[in-house]
Amino acid sequence: MAIADKFKKIPLFFKEVKQELKKVSWSSKEELLGATWVVIATTFFLAVYIGTIDFGLSKFLTTFLR
């Protein structure tokens, strides 16, 4: 396939992308904000949980290995 043939397909590609994006069911602003807060809260709680476990195991091993 020649390079010129590949460049002729570029506009077709973007036309098809535009058609597919029209089919997407986009979330509302409220749904997006709600999902964002769920991700932030989950990340925070997991960070605290993993940090607490890490700190506890670190203290335990430091005490145990001395």
Protein backbone atom coordinates (compact mmCIF):
# COMPACT_ATOMS: atom_id res chain seq x y z
CA MET A 1 0.00 0.00 0.00
CA ALA A 2 1.43 3.34 -1.02
CA ILE A 3 1.83 6.20 1.41
CA ALA A 4 -0.57 8.32 -0.65
CA ASP A 5 -3.30 5.72 -0.11
CA LYS A 6 -2.77 5.86 3.64
CA PHE A 7 -3.11 9.64 3.69
CA LYS A 8 -6.39 9.39 1.76
CA LYS A 9 -7.85 7.29 4.59
CA ILE A 10 -7.21 9.92 7.29
CA PRO A 11 -10.34 12.03 6.62
CA LEU A 12 -12.45 8.86 6.55
CA PHE A 13 -11.01 7.82 9.90
CA PHE A 14 -11.95 11.14 11.54
CA LYS A 15 -15.42 11.04 9.98
CA GLU A 16 -15.98 7.57 11.47
CA VAL A 17 -14.65 8.69 14.85
CA LYS A 18 -17.10 11.61 14.86
CA GLN A 19 -19.97 9.23 14.03
CA GLU A 20 -19.02 6.86 16.84
CA LEU A 21 -18.69 9.68 19.39
CA LYS A 22 -22.27 10.72 18.62
CA LYS A 23 -23.40 7.23 19.70
CA VAL A 24 -21.74 7.45 23.11
CA SER A 25 -23.99 7.85 26.15
CA TRP A 26 -22.21 10.65 28.00
CA SER A 27 -22.61 11.03 31.77
CA SER A 28 -24.29 14.12 33.16
CA LYS A 29 -22.29 16.64 35.14
CA GLU A 30 -23.91 15.45 38.37
CA GLU A 31 -23.06 11.80 37.65
CA LEU A 32 -19.49 12.74 36.82
CA LEU A 33 -19.05 14.76 40.01
CA GLY A 34 -20.57 11.95 42.10
CA ALA A 35 -18.26 9.36 40.57
CA THR A 36 -15.27 11.67 41.07
CA TRP A 37 -16.05 12.04 44.78
CA VAL A 38 -16.41 8.28 45.15
CA VAL A 39 -12.97 7.79 43.59
CA ILE A 40 -11.40 10.48 45.79
CA ALA A 41 -12.97 9.09 48.98
CA THR A 42 -12.05 5.49 48.13
CA THR A 43 -8.47 6.50 47.34
CA PHE A 44 -8.21 8.42 50.63
CA PHE A 45 -9.56 5.56 52.74
CA LEU A 46 -7.38 2.98 51.01
CA ALA A 47 -4.31 5.18 51.49
CA VAL A 48 -5.06 5.54 55.20
CA TYR A 49 -5.76 1.80 55.55
CA ILE A 50 -2.61 0.71 53.70
CA GLY A 51 -0.53 3.33 55.52
CA THR A 52 -1.81 2.11 58.88
CA ILE A 53 -1.09 -1.54 58.02
CA ASP A 54 2.37 -0.61 56.72
CA PHE A 55 3.19 1.41 59.85
CA GLY A 56 1.97 -1.38 62.14
CA LEU A 57 3.90 -4.10 60.32
CA SER A 58 7.00 -1.90 60.23
CA LYS A 59 6.86 -1.34 64.00
CA PHE A 60 6.16 -5.05 64.60
CA LEU A 61 9.09 -6.20 62.46
CA THR A 62 11.43 -3.58 63.93
CA THR A 63 10.57 -4.80 67.42
CA PHE A 64 10.63 -8.48 66.44
CA LEU A 65 14.01 -8.35 64.63
CA ARG A 66 15.91 -6.51 67.37
